Amino acid sequence: MFWFSFVLISFLITKGYLFSDYRERCNNNDECIDHRLICNNSVCDCDKYHKWIENECVQVVNTSFIMENEMDLLERKDLEIIIGNYNEKLFKIQSLAGLFVAGVCFLAVILVMIYCCYVRNQDNKLKRALKIAKCKHNKKEEIV
């Protein structure tokens, strides 16, 4: 079943039924096969920062120029705030995860120590019982 779905999806992609290439029909930007293509007048076309040169969309504008002109100051501030909040949450979650792991390790060490003390106590009881049994056995031999 997996192979059939893989072959079917591969066929649909290669025949252009799922994605559209340059100058092919589309309904929205998601149907265009490349991130540099946008759906413009129902056909996939290069965006304003790329031009169609030798069978591909080639970037004709510097990336730093794109970043400076596409985002105004308020969007940058909002984005910095969002990223800052995300980083704080991520740091808190990772700190909690680290504390959890440290707590589990500490608990495991304590449990192993308790188990070792319990086993040693049981061994000591067994040794005492064996000594008592050995002494009783030796006294019976002396009497006989």
N, C-alpha and C. Protein backbone atom coordinates (compact mmCIF):
# COMPACT_ATOMS: atom_id res chain seq x y z
N MET A 1 0.83 -1.20 0.00
CA MET A 1 0.00 0.00 0.00
C MET A 1 0.87 1.26 0.00
N PHE A 2 1.96 1.20 0.78
CA PHE A 2 2.85 2.36 0.84
C PHE A 2 3.44 2.67 -0.54
N TRP A 3 3.88 1.62 -1.23
CA TRP A 3 4.50 1.82 -2.54
C TRP A 3 3.52 2.39 -3.54
N PHE A 4 2.29 1.93 -3.45
CA PHE A 4 1.27 2.44 -4.37
C PHE A 4 1.05 3.93 -4.16
N SER A 5 0.92 4.35 -2.91
CA SER A 5 0.70 5.78 -2.64
C SER A 5 1.92 6.60 -3.04
N PHE A 6 3.12 6.06 -2.81
CA PHE A 6 4.35 6.75 -3.20
C PHE A 6 4.40 6.93 -4.71
N VAL A 7 4.08 5.87 -5.46
CA VAL A 7 4.10 5.94 -6.92
C VAL A 7 3.03 6.90 -7.43
N LEU A 8 1.85 6.86 -6.82
CA LEU A 8 0.76 7.73 -7.24
C LEU A 8 1.11 9.20 -7.01
N ILE A 9 1.64 9.53 -5.85
CA ILE A 9 2.00 10.92 -5.56
C ILE A 9 3.14 11.37 -6.47
N SER A 10 4.12 10.51 -6.70
CA SER A 10 5.23 10.85 -7.60
C SER A 10 4.71 11.12 -9.01
N PHE A 11 3.78 10.29 -9.46
CA PHE A 11 3.20 10.47 -10.80
C PHE A 11 2.46 11.80 -10.89
N LEU A 12 1.65 12.10 -9.86
CA LEU A 12 0.88 13.34 -9.88
C LEU A 12 1.78 14.56 -9.85
N ILE A 13 2.89 14.48 -9.10
CA ILE A 13 3.81 15.61 -9.04
C ILE A 13 4.51 15.80 -10.39
N THR A 14 4.98 14.70 -10.99
CA THR A 14 5.72 14.83 -12.26
C THR A 14 4.80 15.27 -13.40
N LYS A 15 3.55 14.91 -13.35
CA LYS A 15 2.62 15.33 -14.40
C LYS A 15 2.05 16.73 -14.16
N GLY A 16 2.36 17.31 -13.00
CA GLY A 16 1.94 18.67 -12.73
C GLY A 16 0.52 18.80 -12.22
N TYR A 17 -0.06 17.71 -11.70
CA TYR A 17 -1.42 17.79 -11.18
C TYR A 17 -1.47 18.38 -9.77
N LEU A 18 -0.41 18.23 -9.01
CA LEU A 18 -0.39 18.76 -7.65
C LEU A 18 0.23 20.15 -7.58
N PHE A 19 1.27 20.39 -8.37
CA PHE A 19 1.96 21.67 -8.36
C PHE A 19 2.09 22.21 -9.77
N SER A 20 2.18 23.52 -9.85
CA SER A 20 2.32 24.16 -11.15
C SER A 20 3.70 24.78 -11.28
N ASP A 21 4.25 24.72 -12.48
CA ASP A 21 5.56 25.30 -12.76
C ASP A 21 5.36 26.68 -13.37
N TYR A 22 6.42 27.31 -13.82
CA TYR A 22 6.38 28.64 -14.40
C TYR A 22 5.42 28.71 -15.57
N ARG A 23 4.55 29.69 -15.56
CA ARG A 23 3.55 29.96 -16.60
C ARG A 23 2.48 28.88 -16.72
N GLU A 24 2.32 28.07 -15.69
CA GLU A 24 1.22 27.09 -15.68
C GLU A 24 0.09 27.63 -14.82
N ARG A 25 -1.12 27.11 -15.04
CA ARG A 25 -2.30 27.62 -14.33
C ARG A 25 -2.23 27.29 -12.84
N CYS A 26 -2.76 28.22 -12.02
CA CYS A 26 -2.80 28.02 -10.58
C CYS A 26 -3.98 28.80 -10.00
N ASN A 27 -4.32 28.46 -8.76
CA ASN A 27 -5.38 29.18 -8.06
C ASN A 27 -4.84 30.00 -6.90
N ASN A 28 -3.73 29.57 -6.30
CA ASN A 28 -3.11 30.33 -5.21
C ASN A 28 -1.61 30.04 -5.20
N ASN A 29 -0.89 30.75 -4.35
CA ASN A 29 0.58 30.64 -4.30
C ASN A 29 1.05 29.25 -3.88
N ASP A 30 0.25 28.54 -3.10
CA ASP A 30 0.67 27.22 -2.62
C ASP A 30 0.74 26.20 -3.74
N GLU A 31 0.07 26.44 -4.83
CA GLU A 31 0.10 25.49 -5.95
C GLU A 31 1.35 25.64 -6.80
N CYS A 32 2.04 26.74 -6.69
CA CYS A 32 3.27 26.93 -7.46
C CYS A 32 4.39 26.10 -6.83
N ILE A 33 5.19 25.45 -7.66
CA ILE A 33 6.14 24.43 -7.20
C ILE A 33 7.33 25.03 -6.46
N ASP A 34 7.64 26.29 -6.69
CA ASP A 34 8.84 26.91 -6.11
C ASP A 34 8.44 28.08 -5.23
N HIS A 35 9.20 28.33 -4.16
CA HIS A 35 8.87 29.45 -3.27
C HIS A 35 9.08 30.80 -3.94
N ARG A 36 9.83 30.83 -5.01
CA ARG A 36 10.06 32.08 -5.72
C ARG A 36 8.94 32.42 -6.68
N LEU A 37 8.03 31.45 -6.89
CA LEU A 37 6.90 31.67 -7.79
C LEU A 37 5.67 32.10 -7.00
N ILE A 38 4.90 33.01 -7.61
CA ILE A 38 3.63 33.42 -7.01
C ILE A 38 2.54 33.26 -8.07
N CYS A 39 1.33 33.06 -7.60
CA CYS A 39 0.21 32.93 -8.52
C CYS A 39 -0.26 34.34 -8.89
N ASN A 40 -0.01 34.72 -10.14
CA ASN A 40 -0.34 36.06 -10.62
C ASN A 40 -1.22 35.92 -11.85
N ASN A 41 -2.45 36.41 -11.78
CA ASN A 41 -3.43 36.29 -12.88
C ASN A 41 -3.63 34.83 -13.27
N SER A 42 -3.76 33.96 -12.30
CA SER A 42 -4.03 32.52 -12.47
C SER A 42 -2.91 31.75 -13.15
N VAL A 43 -1.70 32.29 -13.19
CA VAL A 43 -0.54 31.54 -13.67
C VAL A 43 0.62 31.77 -12.70
N CYS A 44 1.49 30.77 -12.60
CA CYS A 44 2.66 30.90 -11.74
C CYS A 44 3.70 31.78 -12.43
N ASP A 45 4.15 32.81 -11.69
CA ASP A 45 5.11 33.75 -12.25
C ASP A 45 6.13 34.09 -11.16
N CYS A 46 7.31 34.54 -11.56
CA CYS A 46 8.32 34.93 -10.57
C CYS A 46 7.83 36.13 -9.78
N ASP A 47 8.22 36.18 -8.48
CA ASP A 47 7.83 37.33 -7.67
C ASP A 47 8.65 38.55 -8.07
N LYS A 48 8.42 39.69 -7.37
CA LYS A 48 9.04 40.94 -7.78
C LYS A 48 10.54 41.00 -7.54
N TYR A 49 11.08 40.04 -6.79
CA TYR A 49 12.52 40.03 -6.52
C TYR A 49 13.27 39.03 -7.40
N HIS A 50 12.56 38.32 -8.24
CA HIS A 50 13.17 37.31 -9.11
C HIS A 50 12.73 37.54 -10.57
N LYS A 51 13.57 37.15 -11.49
CA LYS A 51 13.26 37.22 -12.93
C LYS A 51 13.52 35.84 -13.55
N TRP A 52 12.74 35.52 -14.59
CA TRP A 52 12.88 34.24 -15.27
C TRP A 52 14.07 34.32 -16.22
N ILE A 53 15.13 33.59 -15.87
CA ILE A 53 16.35 33.57 -16.69
C ILE A 53 16.79 32.12 -16.82
N GLU A 54 16.92 31.65 -18.04
CA GLU A 54 17.41 30.31 -18.35
C GLU A 54 16.68 29.23 -17.54
N ASN A 55 15.39 29.16 -17.68
CA ASN A 55 14.54 28.11 -17.10
C ASN A 55 14.47 28.08 -15.59
N GLU A 56 14.71 29.21 -14.92
CA GLU A 56 14.53 29.29 -13.48
C GLU A 56 14.38 30.74 -13.05
N CYS A 57 13.76 30.91 -11.89
CA CYS A 57 13.64 32.25 -11.31
C CYS A 57 14.95 32.56 -10.60
N VAL A 58 15.61 33.64 -11.04
CA VAL A 58 16.89 34.04 -10.48
C VAL A 58 16.69 35.33 -9.68
N GLN A 59 17.28 35.37 -8.48
CA GLN A 59 17.15 36.54 -7.63
C GLN A 59 17.92 37.70 -8.24
N VAL A 60 17.24 38.85 -8.39
CA VAL A 60 17.88 40.02 -8.99
C VAL A 60 18.03 41.16 -7.98
N VAL A 61 17.56 40.94 -6.75
CA VAL A 61 17.63 41.97 -5.71
C VAL A 61 18.38 41.38 -4.52
N ASN A 62 19.19 42.20 -3.87
CA ASN A 62 19.97 41.78 -2.72
C ASN A 62 19.04 41.37 -1.57
N THR A 63 19.39 40.32 -0.85
CA THR A 63 18.55 39.81 0.24
C THR A 63 18.38 40.82 1.36
N SER A 64 19.45 41.54 1.71
CA SER A 64 19.33 42.54 2.77
C SER A 64 18.38 43.65 2.36
N PHE A 65 18.36 44.02 1.08
CA PHE A 65 17.41 45.02 0.58
C PHE A 65 15.98 44.52 0.74
N ILE A 66 15.77 43.24 0.45
CA ILE A 66 14.43 42.67 0.59
C ILE A 66 13.99 42.74 2.05
N MET A 67 14.86 42.33 2.97
CA MET A 67 14.51 42.32 4.38
C MET A 67 14.25 43.73 4.91
N GLU A 68 15.04 44.71 4.45
CA GLU A 68 14.86 46.08 4.93
C GLU A 68 13.58 46.70 4.41
N ASN A 69 13.23 46.42 3.17
CA ASN A 69 12.08 47.08 2.56
C ASN A 69 10.76 46.34 2.78
N GLU A 70 10.80 45.08 3.05
CA GLU A 70 9.56 44.33 3.21
C GLU A 70 8.97 44.47 4.60
N MET A 71 9.80 44.72 5.58
CA MET A 71 9.31 44.81 6.96
C MET A 71 9.46 46.24 7.44
N ASP A 72 8.36 46.84 7.84
CA ASP A 72 8.49 48.18 8.42
C ASP A 72 8.91 48.06 9.88
N LEU A 73 9.14 49.18 10.51
CA LEU A 73 9.70 49.21 11.86
C LEU A 73 8.79 48.51 12.87
N LEU A 74 7.48 48.71 12.77
CA LEU A 74 6.55 48.10 13.71
C LEU A 74 6.55 46.58 13.58
N GLU A 75 6.59 46.09 12.34
CA GLU A 75 6.63 44.64 12.14
C GLU A 75 7.91 44.05 12.74
N ARG A 76 9.02 44.75 12.60
CA ARG A 76 10.28 44.26 13.16
C ARG A 76 10.20 44.20 14.67
N LYS A 77 9.66 45.26 15.29
CA LYS A 77 9.53 45.28 16.74
C LYS A 77 8.62 44.15 17.20
N ASP A 78 7.48 43.98 16.50
CA ASP A 78 6.56 42.90 16.87
C ASP A 78 7.24 41.55 16.73
N LEU A 79 7.99 41.37 15.66
CA LEU A 79 8.69 40.12 15.43
C LEU A 79 9.74 39.88 16.51
N GLU A 80 10.46 40.94 16.90
CA GLU A 80 11.45 40.80 17.97
C GLU A 80 10.79 40.43 19.28
N ILE A 81 9.63 41.01 19.56
CA ILE A 81 8.91 40.69 20.80
C ILE A 81 8.45 39.24 20.77
N ILE A 82 7.90 38.82 19.64
CA ILE A 82 7.41 37.43 19.51
C ILE A 82 8.56 36.45 19.67
N ILE A 83 9.68 36.73 19.00
CA ILE A 83 10.83 35.83 19.10
C ILE A 83 11.39 35.83 20.51
N GLY A 84 11.43 37.00 21.15
CA GLY A 84 11.91 37.08 22.53
C GLY A 84 11.03 36.27 23.47
N ASN A 85 9.71 36.40 23.32
CA ASN A 85 8.79 35.63 24.17
C ASN A 85 8.96 34.13 23.93
N TYR A 86 9.11 33.76 22.66
CA TYR A 86 9.30 32.35 22.33
C TYR A 86 10.58 31.81 22.96
N ASN A 87 11.66 32.62 22.89
CA ASN A 87 12.93 32.18 23.48
C ASN A 87 12.83 32.03 24.99
N GLU A 88 12.10 32.96 25.64
CA GLU A 88 11.93 32.85 27.09
C GLU A 88 11.16 31.58 27.45
N LYS A 89 10.08 31.30 26.71
CA LYS A 89 9.30 30.09 26.98
C LYS A 89 10.15 28.85 26.75
N LEU A 90 10.91 28.86 25.67
CA LEU A 90 11.75 27.71 25.35
C LEU A 90 12.80 27.49 26.44
N PHE A 91 13.40 28.57 26.93
CA PHE A 91 14.39 28.46 27.99
C PHE A 91 13.76 27.91 29.26
N LYS A 92 12.57 28.40 29.62
CA LYS A 92 11.89 27.92 30.81
C LYS A 92 11.56 26.43 30.69
N ILE A 93 11.07 26.02 29.52
CA ILE A 93 10.72 24.61 29.31
C ILE A 93 11.97 23.74 29.41
N GLN A 94 13.06 24.19 28.82
CA GLN A 94 14.28 23.40 28.88
C GLN A 94 14.84 23.36 30.30
N SER A 95 14.69 24.46 31.03
CA SER A 95 15.13 24.47 32.43
C SER A 95 14.32 23.49 33.25
N LEU A 96 13.01 23.49 33.04
CA LEU A 96 12.16 22.54 33.76
C LEU A 96 12.50 21.10 33.39
N ALA A 97 12.78 20.86 32.12
CA ALA A 97 13.16 19.52 31.71
C ALA A 97 14.47 19.09 32.38
N GLY A 98 15.42 20.00 32.45
CA GLY A 98 16.69 19.70 33.12
C GLY A 98 16.49 19.42 34.60
N LEU A 99 15.66 20.22 35.26
CA LEU A 99 15.36 19.98 36.67
C LEU A 99 14.66 18.64 36.87
N PHE A 100 13.76 18.31 35.96
CA PHE A 100 13.06 17.03 36.05
C PHE A 100 14.05 15.87 35.94
N VAL A 101 14.96 15.95 34.97
CA VAL A 101 15.95 14.88 34.79
C VAL A 101 16.85 14.78 36.02
N ALA A 102 17.27 15.93 36.54
CA ALA A 102 18.12 15.92 37.74
C ALA A 102 17.36 15.31 38.92
N GLY A 103 16.07 15.65 39.05
CA GLY A 103 15.26 15.09 40.13
C GLY A 103 15.09 13.59 40.00
N VAL A 104 14.86 13.11 38.78
CA VAL A 104 14.72 11.67 38.56
C VAL A 104 16.03 10.96 38.89
N CYS A 105 17.15 11.53 38.47
CA CYS A 105 18.45 10.93 38.79
C CYS A 105 18.69 10.89 40.30
N PHE A 106 18.38 11.99 41.00
CA PHE A 106 18.54 12.04 42.44
C PHE A 106 17.66 10.99 43.12
N LEU A 107 16.41 10.89 42.68
CA LEU A 107 15.48 9.89 43.23
C LEU A 107 16.00 8.48 42.97
N ALA A 108 16.54 8.24 41.77
CA ALA A 108 17.07 6.92 41.46
C ALA A 108 18.24 6.57 42.37
N VAL A 109 19.12 7.53 42.63
CA VAL A 109 20.25 7.29 43.52
C VAL A 109 19.77 6.96 44.92
N ILE A 110 18.79 7.72 45.42
CA ILE A 110 18.24 7.48 46.75
C ILE A 110 17.61 6.09 46.82
N LEU A 111 16.83 5.72 45.80
CA LEU A 111 16.19 4.40 45.79
C LEU A 111 17.22 3.28 45.75
N VAL A 112 18.28 3.44 44.98
CA VAL A 112 19.33 2.42 44.92
C VAL A 112 20.02 2.30 46.28
N MET A 113 20.26 3.42 46.94
CA MET A 113 20.87 3.36 48.27
C MET A 113 19.96 2.65 49.27
N ILE A 114 18.67 2.96 49.23
CA ILE A 114 17.72 2.30 50.13
C ILE A 114 17.68 0.80 49.86
N TYR A 115 17.67 0.43 48.57
CA TYR A 115 17.65 -0.98 48.20
C TYR A 115 18.92 -1.69 48.71
N CYS A 116 20.06 -1.05 48.52
CA CYS A 116 21.31 -1.65 48.97
C CYS A 116 21.32 -1.84 50.49
N CYS A 117 20.82 -0.85 51.23
CA CYS A 117 20.73 -0.97 52.69
C CYS A 117 19.78 -2.10 53.08
N TYR A 118 18.68 -2.23 52.38
CA TYR A 118 17.71 -3.29 52.66
C TYR A 118 18.34 -4.67 52.42
N VAL A 119 19.01 -4.82 51.28
CA VAL A 119 19.65 -6.10 50.96
C VAL A 119 20.73 -6.42 51.98
N ARG A 120 21.53 -5.44 52.38
CA ARG A 120 22.57 -5.67 53.38
C ARG A 120 21.94 -6.09 54.71
N ASN A 121 20.85 -5.45 55.10
CA ASN A 121 20.16 -5.81 56.34
C ASN A 121 19.65 -7.25 56.28
N GLN A 122 19.09 -7.62 55.14
CA GLN A 122 18.61 -9.00 54.98
C GLN A 122 19.77 -10.00 55.03
N ASP A 123 20.89 -9.64 54.41
CA ASP A 123 22.07 -10.51 54.46
C ASP A 123 22.58 -10.67 55.89
N ASN A 124 22.60 -9.57 56.64
CA ASN A 124 23.04 -9.65 58.03
C ASN A 124 22.11 -10.53 58.86
N LYS A 125 20.80 -10.43 58.63
CA LYS A 125 19.85 -11.29 59.34
C LYS A 125 20.11 -12.76 59.00
N LEU A 126 20.36 -13.02 57.74
CA LEU A 126 20.63 -14.39 57.30
C LEU A 126 21.93 -14.91 57.94
N LYS A 127 22.97 -14.07 58.00
CA LYS A 127 24.23 -14.47 58.63
C LYS A 127 24.00 -14.81 60.10
N ARG A 128 23.24 -13.94 60.80
CA ARG A 128 22.95 -14.21 62.21
C ARG A 128 22.19 -15.51 62.38
N ALA A 129 21.22 -15.72 61.51
CA ALA A 129 20.43 -16.96 61.59
C ALA A 129 21.32 -18.17 61.32
N LEU A 130 22.24 -18.06 60.38
CA LEU A 130 23.15 -19.17 60.10
C LEU A 130 24.11 -19.41 61.27
N LYS A 131 24.60 -18.35 61.88
CA LYS A 131 25.48 -18.50 63.03
C LYS A 131 24.75 -19.20 64.18
N ILE A 132 23.50 -18.77 64.41
CA ILE A 132 22.71 -19.39 65.49
C ILE A 132 22.47 -20.86 65.18
N ALA A 133 22.13 -21.15 63.93
CA ALA A 133 21.89 -22.54 63.55
C ALA A 133 23.18 -23.36 63.67
N LYS A 134 24.31 -22.77 63.31
CA LYS A 134 25.59 -23.46 63.38
C LYS A 134 25.96 -23.72 64.85
N CYS A 135 25.73 -22.73 65.70
CA CYS A 135 26.02 -22.90 67.14
C CYS A 135 25.13 -24.01 67.72
N LYS A 136 23.86 -24.01 67.39
CA LYS A 136 22.95 -25.05 67.88
C LYS A 136 23.40 -26.42 67.40
N HIS A 137 23.83 -26.50 66.17
CA HIS A 137 24.28 -27.75 65.59
C HIS A 137 25.56 -28.23 66.30
N ASN A 138 26.48 -27.30 66.58
CA ASN A 138 27.72 -27.65 67.30
C ASN A 138 27.42 -28.11 68.72
N LYS A 139 26.46 -27.47 69.40
CA LYS A 139 26.11 -27.87 70.76
C LYS A 139 25.48 -29.25 70.77
N LYS A 140 24.69 -29.59 69.78
CA LYS A 140 24.08 -30.91 69.70
C LYS A 140 25.16 -31.98 69.50
N GLU A 141 26.19 -31.66 68.72
CA GLU A 141 27.27 -32.61 68.50
C GLU A 141 28.08 -32.83 69.77
N GLU A 142 28.24 -31.76 70.57
CA GLU A 142 28.99 -31.89 71.82
C GLU A 142 28.24 -32.75 72.82
N ILE A 143 26.94 -32.62 72.83
CA ILE A 143 26.11 -33.41 73.76
C ILE A 143 26.15 -34.88 73.38
N VAL A 144 26.14 -35.16 72.17
CA VAL A 144 26.10 -36.56 71.73
C VAL A 144 27.41 -37.18 71.92
